[in-house]
Amino acid sequence: MIIEFVSGGAADRDVLVVPVSTGGLAAITDRLPESFRSLAAGAAAQARFDGAAGTSLEAYSGQGAVVRRLLLVGIGNGDDAAYEKAGGAVSARLLVSGAESVHADLSGASAQAAARFALGAVLRAWRIDRYRTRLPVNQRPTLAGIAIAGCEEGAEAAWAKLRAVAEGVAFTRDLVSEPGNIIYPQSFVDRCSILAESGVAIEVLDEKQMTDLGMGAFVGVGQGSVRPPRLLSMVWKGEGAPEGAPLVLIGKGVTFDTGGISIKPAAGMEDMKWDMGGAGAVAGTMLALARRKAPVHVVGVCALAENMPDGNAQRPGDIVTTLSGQTVEVINTDAEGRLVLCDAMTWAQRKFKPETMVDLATLTGAMIISLGKEHGGLFSNDDGLAHALTSAGVAVGEKLWRFPLGEAYDKLIDSQIADMKNVGPRDGGSITAAQFLQRYVEPGVKWAHLDIAGMVWSDKDGPTWAKGATGYGVRLLEAFVAAQQEA
């Protein structure tokens, strides 16, 4: 979708869009064409349209043979987040409506609010149709662009930054949406090669290199698949970035998860194509930072494997030695995410010597039981880091909720024959998973683990996403990085 900022009128556009604050229809009457003024008031009364953020009301007016179209969108209290929802409402209403162009009269909106309006529209317009060969004409997207007028100066510059974020979100959604026969460890790496065009340094470790290094846990997860695992490293150091250790982001990238020998039930297993949502979010974040030339120093690491049950697959009861030297008794092969992450964490800490490390993973079904699809779970060994991540999530609408860590939980993963086992009891499953990862955090490193199992995929439409991949994590991480290194 093309976003442009204009000063002209709406005569050549298919639809006029006007934001309305809560209870404020009278305030925008003079901005409406004469033919719409009484019509809009009557339609709003009948539809009980009150300007709540993200709501919309459509009206038509005939002038001879010409029919004009008006879309009122609610902006609630008029804050930036409400404008974003309003932009999403425009795409939700008009994307396949037959309209091709929109004029949005954002008179009085701040530059940031206008940019957030554009962001909402672009995010909500994303969809994946590449495999649909018989899509009916009336379901095909028609909306090609939105012209925004009336806002304060500086909106175009604000949008330039957010456009890069939108590109990162779209990249993540693409990766998460693709089926397992299209996205697997090597093809994930291949897709990420576009980051090199923006100045990101790419490094890839293959299965032999990981085996030689001693990544027994990581390699063990992928040994049942004909598609071998990969460790992908992406380094971005923008001009003006602070000196010193980089911030490290690590994503779980299990490109398809059958559960291995501890196989999952058949019903719903197709959803396990999105078990690489953490790695997808890290890759999208790195793209966003590079596209906007962020003056930051960040490393993204994606631990990529496919968990399959063949004759060479890892067995329950196997003991593996991790890169750190610690041993793990594999009780359940479906608790594989922590096995790929632990070796990736050790590798990243040894190579990049970070002061701060954040991992993201669709790690546990227990997290969905705890928080549903409203918050991602947050675990951390540092209160300041936890607060910074939570604040970033609030700012962009990707919320987190912090969970406890402690010795009592940690004891639950002690093994009788190895240093630890990869699962504890059913109770506190998300917490014991985080405790497992914490055993691989080196002294002095600030660490946070984000369990985003309930957030990367949605079974219903949202304000800025359609049913399917949400791209959760990209905006959160981008805002967090900006606050840490650009403040």
Protein backbone atom coordinates (compact mmCIF):
# COMPACT_ATOMS: atom_id res chain seq x y z
CA MET A 1 0.00 0.00 0.00
CA ILE A 2 1.26 3.45 -0.95
CA ILE A 3 1.08 6.15 1.73
CA GLU A 4 1.47 9.78 0.69
CA PHE A 5 1.10 13.06 2.52
CA VAL A 6 -0.68 15.74 0.49
CA SER A 7 -2.07 19.22 0.83
CA GLY A 8 -4.77 18.99 -1.84
CA GLY A 9 -8.39 17.92 -1.70
CA ALA A 10 -10.18 14.64 -2.18
CA ALA A 11 -11.89 15.20 -5.53
CA ASP A 12 -9.98 12.46 -7.34
CA ARG A 13 -10.23 9.85 -4.56
CA ASP A 14 -12.77 7.08 -4.24
CA VAL A 15 -13.38 7.53 -0.51
CA LEU A 16 -13.13 10.41 1.92
CA VAL A 17 -12.05 9.31 5.41
CA VAL A 18 -12.58 11.56 8.41
CA PRO A 19 -11.61 10.65 12.00
CA VAL A 20 -14.17 11.26 14.74
CA SER A 21 -13.37 11.46 18.44
CA THR A 22 -15.71 10.07 21.08
CA GLY A 23 -18.99 11.93 20.89
CA GLY A 24 -17.46 14.48 18.56
CA LEU A 25 -19.38 14.14 15.28
CA ALA A 26 -20.53 17.77 15.45
CA ALA A 27 -16.92 18.96 15.56
CA ILE A 28 -16.13 17.58 12.11
CA THR A 29 -19.35 18.51 10.32
CA ASP A 30 -17.79 21.51 8.57
CA ARG A 31 -15.08 19.24 7.10
CA LEU A 32 -17.68 17.12 5.32
CA PRO A 33 -19.04 17.83 1.85
CA GLU A 34 -22.44 19.52 2.04
CA SER A 35 -24.19 16.43 0.70
CA PHE A 36 -22.91 14.33 3.60
CA ARG A 37 -23.60 16.55 6.59
CA SER A 38 -27.16 15.61 7.46
CA LEU A 39 -26.68 12.10 6.08
CA ALA A 40 -23.69 11.42 8.36
CA ALA A 41 -25.53 12.66 11.43
CA GLY A 42 -28.55 10.48 10.72
CA ALA A 43 -26.46 7.42 9.89
CA ALA A 44 -24.38 7.84 13.05
CA ALA A 45 -27.53 8.02 15.17
CA GLN A 46 -29.03 4.92 13.60
CA ALA A 47 -25.79 2.90 13.81
CA ARG A 48 -24.98 4.14 17.33
CA PHE A 49 -21.62 5.28 16.06
CA ASP A 50 -19.93 7.24 18.85
CA GLY A 51 -16.32 7.55 17.65
CA ALA A 52 -14.89 4.75 19.76
CA ALA A 53 -11.36 3.95 18.65
CA GLY A 54 -11.23 1.54 15.75
CA THR A 55 -14.94 1.69 14.88
CA SER A 56 -16.19 2.89 11.52
CA LEU A 57 -19.30 4.12 9.75
CA GLU A 58 -19.76 4.18 5.99
CA ALA A 59 -22.15 6.42 4.09
CA TYR A 60 -22.92 7.11 0.43
CA SER A 61 -24.25 10.22 -1.28
CA GLY A 62 -25.47 10.54 -4.84
CA GLN A 63 -24.79 13.60 -6.99
CA GLY A 64 -26.45 12.91 -10.31
CA ALA A 65 -24.80 9.83 -11.77
CA VAL A 66 -21.84 10.13 -9.36
CA VAL A 67 -21.89 8.29 -6.04
CA ARG A 68 -19.54 9.56 -3.37
CA ARG A 69 -18.37 7.53 -0.43
CA LEU A 70 -17.59 8.65 3.13
CA LEU A 71 -15.96 6.63 5.89
CA LEU A 72 -15.97 7.96 9.42
CA VAL A 73 -13.45 6.24 11.70
CA GLY A 74 -13.37 6.48 15.46
CA ILE A 75 -10.30 7.83 17.24
CA GLY A 76 -11.66 7.66 20.78
CA ASN A 77 -9.68 10.04 22.96
CA GLY A 78 -7.46 11.00 20.04
CA ASP A 79 -4.17 9.56 21.26
CA ASP A 80 -1.61 8.02 18.90
CA ALA A 81 -2.74 4.46 19.59
CA ALA A 82 -6.31 5.40 18.69
CA TYR A 83 -5.17 6.85 15.37
CA GLU A 84 -3.38 3.57 14.69
CA LYS A 85 -6.58 1.64 15.30
CA ALA A 86 -8.41 4.05 13.02
CA GLY A 87 -5.93 3.40 10.23
CA GLY A 88 -6.46 -0.32 10.73
CA ALA A 89 -10.22 0.20 10.53
CA VAL A 90 -9.82 1.91 7.16
CA SER A 91 -8.02 -1.08 5.66
CA ALA A 92 -10.36 -3.57 7.31
CA ARG A 93 -13.37 -1.80 5.78
CA LEU A 94 -12.01 -0.85 2.37
CA LEU A 95 -9.29 -3.33 1.40
CA VAL A 96 -11.53 -5.50 -0.79
CA SER A 97 -14.39 -3.01 -1.14
CA GLY A 98 -13.71 -1.97 -4.73
CA ALA A 99 -12.23 1.36 -3.62
CA GLU A 100 -8.75 2.00 -4.96
CA SER A 101 -7.77 5.30 -3.39
CA VAL A 102 -8.54 7.08 -0.13
CA HIS A 103 -8.21 10.68 1.01
CA ALA A 104 -7.86 10.86 4.79
CA ASP A 105 -8.56 14.29 6.27
CA LEU A 106 -6.51 14.26 9.48
CA SER A 107 -6.85 17.96 10.19
CA GLY A 108 -5.40 18.78 13.59
CA ALA A 109 -3.59 15.46 14.02
CA SER A 110 0.00 15.51 15.23
CA ALA A 111 2.77 14.23 12.99
CA GLN A 112 3.16 11.10 15.13
CA ALA A 113 -0.58 10.44 15.18
CA ALA A 114 -0.72 10.68 11.39
CA ALA A 115 2.23 8.30 11.08
CA ARG A 116 0.55 5.84 13.44
CA PHE A 117 -2.63 6.10 11.33
CA ALA A 118 -0.58 5.12 8.29
CA LEU A 119 1.06 2.30 10.23
CA GLY A 120 -2.29 0.87 11.28
CA ALA A 121 -3.56 0.97 7.71
CA VAL A 122 -0.50 -0.75 6.28
CA LEU A 123 -0.35 -3.42 8.98
CA ARG A 124 -4.04 -4.28 8.64
CA ALA A 125 -3.75 -4.47 4.84
CA TRP A 126 -1.14 -7.24 4.97
CA ARG A 127 -2.34 -10.63 3.76
CA ILE A 128 -0.89 -13.72 2.14
CA ASP A 129 -2.67 -14.82 -1.05
CA ARG A 130 0.17 -16.41 -2.99
CA TYR A 131 -1.24 -19.92 -2.76
CA ARG A 132 -4.84 -18.99 -3.58
CA THR A 133 -5.30 -19.63 -7.29
CA ARG A 134 -9.11 -19.26 -7.38
CA LEU A 135 -9.70 -16.23 -5.21
CA PRO A 136 -13.09 -14.71 -6.15
CA VAL A 137 -12.91 -11.25 -7.68
CA ASN A 138 -14.87 -9.67 -4.84
CA GLN A 139 -12.33 -11.02 -2.32
CA ARG A 140 -9.29 -9.58 -4.06
CA PRO A 141 -7.67 -6.46 -2.60
CA THR A 142 -8.40 -3.23 -4.45
CA LEU A 143 -7.15 -0.53 -2.09
CA ALA A 144 -3.82 0.66 -3.43
CA GLY A 145 -3.08 3.84 -1.50
CA ILE A 146 -4.04 6.40 1.10
CA ALA A 147 -3.40 10.13 0.78
CA ILE A 148 -3.18 11.83 4.17
CA ALA A 149 -3.89 15.54 4.49
CA GLY A 150 -4.25 18.19 7.17
CA CYS A 151 -1.80 16.88 9.77
CA GLU A 152 1.13 18.72 11.31
CA GLU A 153 4.46 18.96 9.52
CA GLY A 154 6.90 16.16 10.16
CA ALA A 155 4.45 13.33 9.52
CA GLU A 156 6.33 12.11 6.48
CA ALA A 157 9.57 11.81 8.47
CA ALA A 158 7.76 10.03 11.30
CA TRP A 159 6.21 7.66 8.80
CA ALA A 160 9.60 6.87 7.24
CA LYS A 161 10.67 5.30 10.52
CA LEU A 162 7.41 3.46 11.06
CA ARG A 163 7.38 2.24 7.46
CA ALA A 164 10.59 0.33 8.21
CA VAL A 165 8.90 -1.20 11.24
CA ALA A 166 5.91 -2.17 9.09
CA GLU A 167 8.28 -3.86 6.65
CA GLY A 168 9.81 -5.81 9.51
CA VAL A 169 6.39 -6.92 10.73
CA ALA A 170 5.38 -7.98 7.22
CA PHE A 171 8.61 -9.96 6.84
CA THR A 172 7.89 -11.78 10.10
CA ARG A 173 4.30 -12.48 9.13
CA ASP A 174 5.47 -13.94 5.83
CA LEU A 175 7.90 -16.26 7.59
CA VAL A 176 5.39 -17.37 10.20
CA SER A 177 2.61 -17.93 7.66
CA GLU A 178 4.58 -20.15 5.30
CA PRO A 179 4.04 -23.91 5.62
CA GLY A 180 6.75 -26.27 6.77
CA ASN A 181 7.50 -27.51 3.28
CA ILE A 182 8.38 -23.95 2.25
CA ILE A 183 10.11 -22.59 5.37
CA TYR A 184 12.64 -24.94 6.96
CA PRO A 185 16.05 -24.13 8.43
CA GLN A 186 17.93 -23.50 5.19
CA SER A 187 15.09 -21.71 3.41
CA PHE A 188 14.62 -19.48 6.48
CA VAL A 189 18.29 -18.56 6.13
CA ASP A 190 17.81 -17.94 2.42
CA ARG A 191 14.87 -15.59 3.05
CA CYS A 192 16.99 -13.62 5.51
CA SER A 193 19.68 -13.01 2.90
CA ILE A 194 17.79 -9.83 1.96
CA LEU A 195 19.03 -8.31 5.22
CA ALA A 196 22.52 -8.24 3.77
CA GLU A 197 21.29 -5.74 1.18
CA SER A 198 20.59 -3.31 4.05
CA GLY A 199 24.00 -3.77 5.65
CA VAL A 200 23.36 -6.63 8.07
CA ALA A 201 26.30 -9.03 8.46
CA ILE A 202 25.11 -12.63 8.10
CA GLU A 203 26.81 -15.73 9.50
CA VAL A 204 25.45 -19.28 9.30
CA LEU A 205 26.60 -22.41 11.11
CA ASP A 206 25.65 -25.75 9.56
CA GLU A 207 25.04 -29.04 11.32
CA LYS A 208 28.66 -30.20 11.14
CA GLN A 209 29.98 -26.95 12.55
CA MET A 210 27.47 -27.08 15.41
CA THR A 211 28.33 -30.71 16.11
CA ASP A 212 32.05 -29.94 16.13
CA LEU A 213 31.47 -27.08 18.57
CA GLY A 214 29.53 -29.36 20.92
CA MET A 215 25.94 -28.16 20.50
CA GLY A 216 24.51 -31.55 21.42
CA ALA A 217 21.12 -30.26 22.54
CA PHE A 218 20.51 -28.14 19.43
CA VAL A 219 21.69 -30.80 16.97
CA GLY A 220 19.73 -33.48 18.82
CA VAL A 221 16.43 -31.73 18.12
CA GLY A 222 17.03 -31.74 14.37
CA GLN A 223 18.53 -35.20 13.98
CA GLY A 224 15.20 -36.81 13.06
CA SER A 225 14.68 -34.52 10.07
CA VAL A 226 16.10 -34.74 6.56
CA ARG A 227 16.36 -30.94 6.75
CA PRO A 228 19.38 -30.23 8.97
CA PRO A 229 19.47 -27.44 11.56
CA ARG A 230 21.09 -24.07 11.09
CA LEU A 231 22.27 -21.33 13.44
CA LEU A 232 21.75 -17.91 11.87
CA SER A 233 23.52 -14.80 13.17
CA MET A 234 22.65 -11.27 12.00
CA VAL A 235 24.72 -8.30 13.14
CA TRP A 236 23.63 -4.69 12.68
CA LYS A 237 25.83 -1.81 13.78
CA GLY A 238 24.41 1.42 12.49
CA GLU A 239 26.29 4.68 12.07
CA GLY A 240 26.48 6.42 15.42
CA ALA A 241 25.80 3.26 17.40
CA PRO A 242 27.14 3.24 20.96
CA GLU A 243 30.45 1.49 21.50
CA GLY A 244 30.75 -1.61 23.60
CA ALA A 245 28.94 -4.90 23.70
CA PRO A 246 25.90 -5.37 21.47
CA LEU A 247 22.41 -6.16 22.63
CA VAL A 248 21.67 -9.80 21.70
CA LEU A 249 18.24 -11.05 20.62
CA ILE A 250 17.73 -14.80 20.27
CA GLY A 251 14.74 -16.51 18.66
CA LYS A 252 13.47 -20.06 18.78
CA GLY A 253 13.12 -21.21 15.19
CA VAL A 254 11.55 -24.66 15.14
CA THR A 255 10.22 -24.43 11.61
CA PHE A 256 7.87 -27.35 12.12
CA ASP A 257 7.24 -29.17 15.38
CA THR A 258 5.66 -32.61 15.31
CA GLY A 259 6.82 -33.16 18.87
CA GLY A 260 9.32 -35.74 17.66
CA ILE A 261 8.99 -39.20 19.25
CA SER A 262 6.78 -37.56 21.89
CA ILE A 263 4.47 -36.81 19.00
CA LYS A 264 1.67 -34.26 19.25
CA PRO A 265 -1.98 -35.12 18.59
CA ALA A 266 -2.90 -34.90 14.90
CA ALA A 267 -5.65 -32.32 15.41
CA GLY A 268 -4.20 -28.87 15.01
CA MET A 269 -0.67 -30.04 14.27
CA GLU A 270 -0.69 -27.95 11.08
CA ASP A 271 -0.44 -24.89 13.32
CA MET A 272 3.06 -25.92 14.31
CA LYS A 273 4.42 -24.14 11.26
CA TRP A 274 4.44 -21.05 13.49
CA ASP A 275 6.66 -22.60 16.15
CA MET A 276 9.42 -20.44 14.69
CA GLY A 277 7.59 -17.26 15.66
CA GLY A 278 10.39 -16.15 17.99
CA ALA A 279 13.02 -16.45 15.27
CA GLY A 280 10.65 -14.75 12.85
CA ALA A 281 10.26 -11.81 15.23
CA VAL A 282 14.04 -11.50 15.65
CA ALA A 283 14.58 -11.52 11.87
CA GLY A 284 11.84 -8.94 11.35
CA THR A 285 13.30 -6.72 14.05
CA MET A 286 16.74 -6.84 12.46
CA LEU A 287 15.22 -5.90 9.10
CA ALA A 288 13.32 -2.98 10.65
CA LEU A 289 16.44 -1.64 12.38
CA ALA A 290 18.52 -1.91 9.23
CA ARG A 291 15.86 -0.40 6.94
CA ARG A 292 15.57 2.69 9.12
CA LYS A 293 19.35 2.89 9.59
CA ALA A 294 18.99 2.81 13.37
CA PRO A 295 22.12 4.02 15.24
CA VAL A 296 22.23 0.87 17.35
CA HIS A 297 24.41 -2.22 17.81
CA VAL A 298 22.25 -5.34 17.87
CA VAL A 299 22.80 -9.01 17.13
CA GLY A 300 19.97 -11.31 16.16
CA VAL A 301 20.44 -15.07 16.50
CA CYS A 302 17.95 -17.61 15.16
CA ALA A 303 18.14 -21.23 16.31
CA LEU A 304 16.58 -23.13 13.38
CA ALA A 305 15.59 -26.79 13.42
CA GLU A 306 12.78 -29.10 12.36
CA ASN A 307 11.51 -31.57 14.98
CA MET A 308 10.56 -34.82 13.22
CA PRO A 309 10.10 -38.46 14.33
CA ASP A 310 12.19 -40.79 12.16
CA GLY A 311 14.48 -43.71 12.97
CA ASN A 312 17.30 -41.35 13.84
CA ALA A 313 15.20 -39.05 16.00
CA GLN A 314 16.10 -38.22 19.57
CA ARG A 315 14.43 -40.56 22.08
CA PRO A 316 12.87 -39.80 25.45
CA GLY A 317 15.52 -40.67 28.01
CA ASP A 318 18.47 -39.67 25.84
CA ILE A 319 21.17 -37.59 27.48
CA VAL A 320 22.79 -34.79 25.50
CA THR A 321 25.74 -32.56 26.29
CA THR A 322 25.18 -28.87 25.63
CA LEU A 323 27.74 -26.36 24.39
CA SER A 324 28.06 -25.08 27.96
CA GLY A 325 29.19 -28.55 29.09
CA GLN A 326 26.04 -29.15 31.11
CA THR A 327 24.13 -32.37 30.44
CA VAL A 328 20.42 -32.76 29.85
CA GLU A 329 18.17 -35.78 30.20
CA VAL A 330 15.56 -35.46 27.45
CA ILE A 331 12.35 -36.57 29.14
CA ASN A 332 10.04 -35.23 26.45
CA THR A 333 11.16 -34.57 22.87
CA ASP A 334 8.29 -32.09 22.49
CA ALA A 335 10.07 -29.78 24.94
CA GLU A 336 12.55 -29.03 22.19
CA GLY A 337 12.55 -25.24 22.07
CA ARG A 338 14.61 -24.90 25.22
CA LEU A 339 17.13 -27.38 23.76
CA VAL A 340 17.82 -25.30 20.66
CA LEU A 341 17.80 -22.08 22.64
CA CYS A 342 20.24 -23.13 25.35
CA ASP A 343 23.04 -23.85 22.88
CA ALA A 344 22.27 -20.70 20.89
CA MET A 345 22.43 -18.66 24.10
CA THR A 346 25.80 -20.11 25.08
CA TRP A 347 27.21 -19.55 21.59
CA ALA A 348 25.98 -15.95 21.46
CA GLN A 349 27.37 -15.11 24.90
CA ARG A 350 30.77 -16.54 24.09
CA LYS A 351 30.98 -14.86 20.70
CA PHE A 352 29.49 -11.42 21.37
CA LYS A 353 30.00 -10.95 25.14
CA PRO A 354 26.69 -9.12 25.62
CA GLU A 355 25.65 -7.28 28.73
CA THR A 356 21.98 -7.85 27.85
CA MET A 357 20.34 -10.82 26.15
CA VAL A 358 16.65 -11.32 25.32
CA ASP A 359 15.20 -14.53 23.93
CA LEU A 360 11.78 -14.99 22.33
CA ALA A 361 10.07 -18.32 21.91
CA THR A 362 6.73 -19.97 21.36
CA LEU A 363 7.93 -22.15 24.19
CA THR A 364 5.04 -23.59 26.19
CA GLY A 365 1.35 -24.35 25.82
CA ALA A 366 1.16 -23.63 29.53
CA MET A 367 1.68 -19.95 28.73
CA ILE A 368 -1.50 -19.90 26.66
CA ILE A 369 -3.37 -21.51 29.57
CA SER A 370 -1.99 -18.81 31.89
CA LEU A 371 -2.41 -15.68 29.79
CA GLY A 372 -4.54 -16.62 26.81
CA LYS A 373 -3.78 -14.44 23.82
CA GLU A 374 -3.66 -11.08 25.58
CA HIS A 375 -0.10 -10.97 26.93
CA GLY A 376 3.26 -12.56 26.30
CA GLY A 377 4.99 -14.03 29.32
CA LEU A 378 8.09 -12.30 30.69
CA PHE A 379 10.81 -13.83 32.85
CA SER A 380 13.97 -11.97 33.82
CA ASN A 381 16.91 -11.91 36.21
CA ASP A 382 16.93 -8.09 36.21
CA ASP A 383 14.14 -5.77 37.35
CA GLY A 384 15.30 -2.88 35.19
CA LEU A 385 15.35 -4.99 32.05
CA ALA A 386 11.91 -6.40 32.85
CA HIS A 387 10.54 -2.88 33.32
CA ALA A 388 12.07 -1.65 30.06
CA LEU A 389 10.55 -4.51 28.08
CA THR A 390 7.16 -4.10 29.72
CA SER A 391 7.17 -0.37 28.99
CA ALA A 392 8.11 -0.94 25.36
CA GLY A 393 5.26 -3.41 25.03
CA VAL A 394 2.74 -0.96 26.47
CA ALA A 395 3.93 1.77 24.09
CA VAL A 396 3.26 -0.31 20.98
CA GLY A 397 0.38 -2.47 22.16
CA GLU A 398 2.37 -5.72 22.50
CA LYS A 399 1.80 -6.41 26.17
CA LEU A 400 3.89 -8.54 28.53
CA TRP A 401 3.18 -9.97 31.99
CA ARG A 402 6.01 -10.89 34.33
CA PHE A 403 6.26 -14.29 36.00
CA PRO A 404 8.43 -15.37 38.96
CA LEU A 405 11.67 -17.31 38.97
CA GLY A 406 13.24 -18.96 42.00
CA GLU A 407 15.14 -21.81 43.58
CA ALA A 408 12.03 -23.83 44.40
CA TYR A 409 11.05 -23.87 40.73
CA ASP A 410 14.62 -24.54 39.63
CA LYS A 411 14.84 -27.73 41.70
CA LEU A 412 11.94 -29.17 39.73
CA ILE A 413 14.16 -29.75 36.70
CA ASP A 414 16.98 -31.55 38.51
CA SER A 415 17.70 -34.98 37.02
CA GLN A 416 18.82 -38.13 38.84
CA ILE A 417 21.32 -39.05 36.12
CA ALA A 418 22.23 -35.74 34.41
CA ASP A 419 22.64 -32.10 35.38
CA MET A 420 19.01 -31.40 34.51
CA LYS A 421 16.00 -32.73 32.67
CA ASN A 422 14.25 -30.80 29.95
CA VAL A 423 10.83 -30.78 31.62
CA GLY A 424 9.56 -30.54 35.14
CA PRO A 425 6.11 -31.47 36.47
CA ARG A 426 2.96 -30.23 34.79
CA ASP A 427 2.47 -27.48 37.36
CA GLY A 428 4.30 -24.26 36.53
CA GLY A 429 5.37 -25.53 33.12
CA SER A 430 6.21 -22.12 31.68
CA ILE A 431 8.23 -21.24 34.77
CA THR A 432 10.30 -24.43 34.80
CA ALA A 433 10.99 -23.90 31.09
CA ALA A 434 12.35 -20.45 31.90
CA GLN A 435 14.37 -21.90 34.78
CA PHE A 436 15.96 -24.31 32.30
CA LEU A 437 17.06 -21.41 30.11
CA GLN A 438 18.33 -19.40 33.06
CA ARG A 439 20.87 -22.15 33.75
CA TYR A 440 22.59 -21.07 30.52
CA VAL A 441 22.85 -17.39 31.37
CA GLU A 442 26.43 -16.51 32.21
CA PRO A 443 27.27 -14.47 35.33
CA GLY A 444 26.74 -10.73 34.92
CA VAL A 445 24.49 -10.97 31.87
CA LYS A 446 21.11 -9.31 32.12
CA TRP A 447 18.61 -11.72 30.60
CA ALA A 448 14.94 -11.86 29.74
CA HIS A 449 12.91 -14.66 28.28
CA LEU A 450 9.67 -13.89 26.44
CA ASP A 451 7.29 -16.81 26.04
CA ILE A 452 5.08 -15.66 23.17
CA ALA A 453 3.24 -18.91 22.46
CA GLY A 454 -0.17 -17.25 22.57
CA MET A 455 0.75 -14.15 20.60
CA VAL A 456 2.26 -15.01 17.21
CA TRP A 457 -0.94 -16.39 15.69
CA SER A 458 -4.52 -15.19 16.02
CA ASP A 459 -7.70 -17.08 15.26
CA LYS A 460 -9.59 -13.84 14.70
CA ASP A 461 -9.03 -10.42 13.20
CA GLY A 462 -7.45 -7.74 15.35
CA PRO A 463 -7.15 -3.94 15.05
CA THR A 464 -3.99 -4.12 12.95
CA TRP A 465 -3.88 -7.72 11.76
CA ALA A 466 -6.12 -10.15 9.95
CA LYS A 467 -6.67 -13.69 11.18
CA GLY A 468 -3.33 -15.51 11.08
CA ALA A 469 0.20 -14.33 11.76
CA THR A 470 0.35 -11.21 13.93
CA GLY A 471 4.05 -10.35 13.69
CA TYR A 472 4.09 -10.00 17.47
CA GLY A 473 7.49 -9.12 18.88
CA VAL A 474 8.88 -6.93 16.11
CA ARG A 475 7.39 -3.68 17.35
CA LEU A 476 8.10 -4.60 20.95
CA LEU A 477 11.77 -5.33 20.30
CA GLU A 478 12.24 -2.34 17.99
CA ALA A 479 10.80 0.00 20.64
CA PHE A 480 12.90 -1.65 23.34
CA VAL A 481 16.10 -1.32 21.30
CA ALA A 482 15.34 2.33 20.53
CA ALA A 483 14.75 3.12 24.20
CA GLN A 484 17.96 1.38 25.24
CA GLN A 485 20.34 2.75 22.63
CA GLU A 486 18.72 5.82 21.07
CA ALA A 487 17.29 7.65 24.09
